[in-house]
């Protein structure tokens, strides 16, 4: 285990700390400026996409599975588990967003999934070449991203206050 961490680039640890901070911010009720409210979801979708591409390349079938995961989770999340209590306040151009530990968990899940797969590839673990593993991983990245897309849909649909 020590060898894995010593061969991990410094930027990975910096990214982890940044994601920890952003994740913990998600656990508190907060006022978030309009543009800033969309930065974490966009960033997490990009990180998730990077996980698919860095693991399996720009193959259309892998990206298609990732997109399928996004669409399914975004629609189910928005319809069945909407983010409640979000209000857009026009006078401050900010959203009131209630805290959620679930958001923190999904941020960490994306990071640790991407990190684990990178370690498995670097150590030549054979499962990363298993077709079922690849399909499930692409879907998982999409499911994680879909969570954030569903949050964006909730922001867009949130009630407006003058």
Protein backbone atom coordinates (compact mmCIF):
# COMPACT_ATOMS: atom_id res chain seq x y z
CA UNK A 1 0.00 0.00 0.00
CA UNK A 2 2.82 2.41 0.85
CA UNK A 3 4.32 1.85 -2.59
CA UNK A 4 1.02 2.83 -4.22
CA UNK A 5 0.82 6.12 -2.33
CA UNK A 6 4.49 6.97 -2.93
CA UNK A 7 3.98 6.52 -6.67
CA UNK A 8 0.83 8.63 -6.69
CA UNK A 9 1.51 12.05 -8.23
CA UNK A 10 1.26 15.07 -5.93
CA UNK A 11 -1.56 16.59 -7.98
CA UNK A 12 -3.80 13.62 -7.06
CA UNK A 13 -3.45 14.45 -3.36
CA UNK A 14 -4.14 18.13 -4.08
CA UNK A 15 -7.25 17.18 -6.07
CA UNK A 16 -8.36 14.95 -3.19
CA UNK A 17 -8.06 17.82 -0.68
CA UNK A 18 -9.92 20.20 -3.03
CA UNK A 19 -12.70 17.64 -3.48
CA UNK A 20 -12.85 17.06 0.28
CA UNK A 21 -13.36 20.79 0.82
CA UNK A 22 -16.01 21.03 -1.89
CA UNK A 23 -17.64 17.87 -0.57
CA UNK A 24 -17.80 19.17 3.00
CA UNK A 25 -19.25 22.46 1.75
CA UNK A 26 -22.11 20.42 0.29
CA UNK A 27 -23.07 19.20 3.78
CA UNK A 28 -24.05 22.68 5.00
CA UNK A 29 -26.99 24.89 4.15
CA UNK A 30 -25.58 27.68 2.02
CA UNK A 31 -26.18 30.61 -0.26
CA UNK A 32 -24.47 29.98 -3.59
CA UNK A 33 -24.10 32.51 -6.39
CA UNK A 34 -25.82 31.51 -9.62
CA UNK A 35 -22.71 30.57 -11.61
CA UNK A 36 -20.89 28.93 -8.69
CA UNK A 37 -23.87 26.62 -8.10
CA UNK A 38 -23.15 24.96 -11.43
CA UNK A 39 -19.36 24.63 -11.05
CA UNK A 40 -19.27 21.50 -8.85
CA UNK A 41 -21.75 19.54 -10.99
CA UNK A 42 -19.89 20.49 -14.17
CA UNK A 43 -16.55 19.63 -12.59
CA UNK A 44 -17.79 16.25 -11.35
CA UNK A 45 -19.21 15.35 -14.77
CA UNK A 46 -15.85 16.28 -16.33
CA UNK A 47 -13.96 14.19 -13.75
CA UNK A 48 -16.30 11.27 -14.38
CA UNK A 49 -15.89 11.57 -18.16
CA UNK A 50 -12.13 11.74 -17.68
CA UNK A 51 -12.37 8.49 -15.72
CA UNK A 52 -14.01 6.73 -18.63
CA UNK A 53 -11.67 8.18 -21.25
CA UNK A 54 -8.47 7.64 -19.25
CA UNK A 55 -9.47 4.06 -18.48
CA UNK A 56 -10.92 2.94 -21.82
CA UNK A 57 -10.31 5.64 -24.43
CA UNK A 58 -12.76 7.61 -26.54
CA UNK A 59 -14.65 4.54 -27.74
CA UNK A 60 -18.26 5.30 -28.57
CA UNK A 61 -19.62 2.23 -26.76
CA UNK A 62 -17.96 3.24 -23.46
CA UNK A 63 -19.09 6.84 -23.74
CA UNK A 64 -22.57 5.59 -24.65
CA UNK A 65 -22.73 3.51 -21.48
CA UNK A 66 -21.55 6.52 -19.47
CA UNK A 67 -24.25 8.69 -21.08
CA UNK A 68 -26.89 6.03 -20.40
CA UNK A 69 -25.93 6.09 -16.72
CA UNK A 70 -26.20 9.88 -16.67
CA UNK A 71 -29.62 9.99 -18.31
CA UNK A 72 -31.12 7.24 -16.13
CA UNK A 73 -29.83 8.69 -12.87
CA UNK A 74 -30.59 12.30 -13.80
CA UNK A 75 -34.20 11.52 -14.65
CA UNK A 76 -34.80 9.18 -11.72
CA UNK A 77 -33.02 11.50 -9.31
CA UNK A 78 -34.96 14.53 -10.50
CA UNK A 79 -38.33 12.78 -10.48
CA UNK A 80 -38.04 10.45 -7.47
CA UNK A 81 -35.46 12.15 -5.23
CA UNK A 82 -35.54 15.86 -5.99
CA UNK A 83 -33.34 18.25 -4.06
CA UNK A 84 -35.89 19.84 -1.75
CA UNK A 85 -35.69 23.31 -0.29
CA UNK A 86 -33.74 24.95 -3.11
CA UNK A 87 -34.81 28.54 -3.73
CA UNK A 88 -33.36 31.06 -6.17
CA UNK A 89 -33.22 34.58 -4.75
CA UNK A 90 -33.15 37.09 -7.58
CA UNK A 91 -32.10 40.06 -5.41
CA UNK A 92 -28.81 38.35 -4.55
CA UNK A 93 -28.51 36.23 -7.73
CA UNK A 94 -27.98 33.24 -5.47
CA UNK A 95 -29.53 29.92 -4.61
CA UNK A 96 -30.32 28.76 -1.12
CA UNK A 97 -29.24 25.11 -1.16
CA UNK A 98 -29.80 22.80 1.81
CA UNK A 99 -26.87 20.69 2.93
CA UNK A 100 -26.52 17.06 1.89
CA UNK A 101 -24.11 14.33 2.95
CA UNK A 102 -25.18 12.41 -0.13
CA UNK A 103 -23.47 14.98 -2.37
CA UNK A 104 -20.28 14.57 -0.34
CA UNK A 105 -20.50 10.80 -0.74
CA UNK A 106 -20.92 10.96 -4.50
CA UNK A 107 -17.95 13.35 -4.86
CA UNK A 108 -15.80 10.91 -2.90
CA UNK A 109 -17.18 7.92 -4.85
CA UNK A 110 -16.11 9.48 -8.16
CA UNK A 111 -12.64 10.27 -6.83
CA UNK A 112 -12.02 6.88 -5.24
CA UNK A 113 -13.42 4.98 -8.21
CA UNK A 114 -11.12 6.87 -10.58
CA UNK A 115 -8.14 6.44 -8.23
CA UNK A 116 -8.81 2.72 -7.68
CA UNK A 117 -9.07 2.03 -11.39
CA UNK A 118 -5.83 3.94 -12.03
CA UNK A 119 -4.09 1.84 -9.37
CA UNK A 120 -5.52 -1.39 -10.82
CA UNK A 121 -4.33 -0.43 -14.29
CA UNK A 122 -0.89 0.57 -13.03
CA UNK A 123 -0.51 -2.71 -11.14
CA UNK A 124 -1.89 -4.72 -14.07
CA UNK A 125 -4.85 -6.21 -12.24
CA UNK A 126 -6.56 -8.40 -14.82
CA UNK A 127 -10.14 -7.44 -13.96
CA UNK A 128 -9.75 -4.07 -15.71
CA UNK A 129 -9.76 -6.01 -18.98
CA UNK A 130 -12.93 -7.94 -18.12
CA UNK A 131 -15.84 -6.87 -20.34
CA UNK A 132 -18.40 -6.94 -17.53
CA UNK A 133 -16.13 -4.85 -15.31
CA UNK A 134 -15.69 -2.28 -18.08
CA UNK A 135 -19.45 -2.06 -18.71
CA UNK A 136 -20.23 -1.70 -15.01
CA UNK A 137 -17.52 0.89 -14.50
CA UNK A 138 -18.70 3.04 -17.42
CA UNK A 139 -22.26 2.83 -16.10
CA UNK A 140 -21.07 3.67 -12.58
CA UNK A 141 -19.27 6.78 -13.77
CA UNK A 142 -22.45 7.77 -15.58
CA UNK A 143 -24.60 7.08 -12.51
CA UNK A 144 -22.36 9.27 -10.37
CA UNK A 145 -22.52 12.08 -12.94
CA UNK A 146 -26.27 11.68 -13.31
CA UNK A 147 -26.63 12.49 -9.62
CA UNK A 148 -25.10 15.91 -10.25
CA UNK A 149 -27.09 16.43 -13.44
CA UNK A 150 -30.28 15.75 -11.44
CA UNK A 151 -29.13 18.41 -8.96
CA UNK A 152 -28.70 20.87 -11.82
CA UNK A 153 -32.21 20.06 -13.04
CA UNK A 154 -33.47 20.80 -9.52
CA UNK A 155 -31.64 24.14 -9.52
CA UNK A 156 -33.15 25.10 -12.86
CA UNK A 157 -36.66 24.10 -11.68
CA UNK A 158 -36.36 25.69 -8.24
CA UNK A 159 -38.85 28.32 -7.11
CA UNK A 160 -37.81 31.93 -7.65
CA UNK A 161 -38.06 34.69 -5.06
CA UNK A 162 -38.01 38.34 -6.04
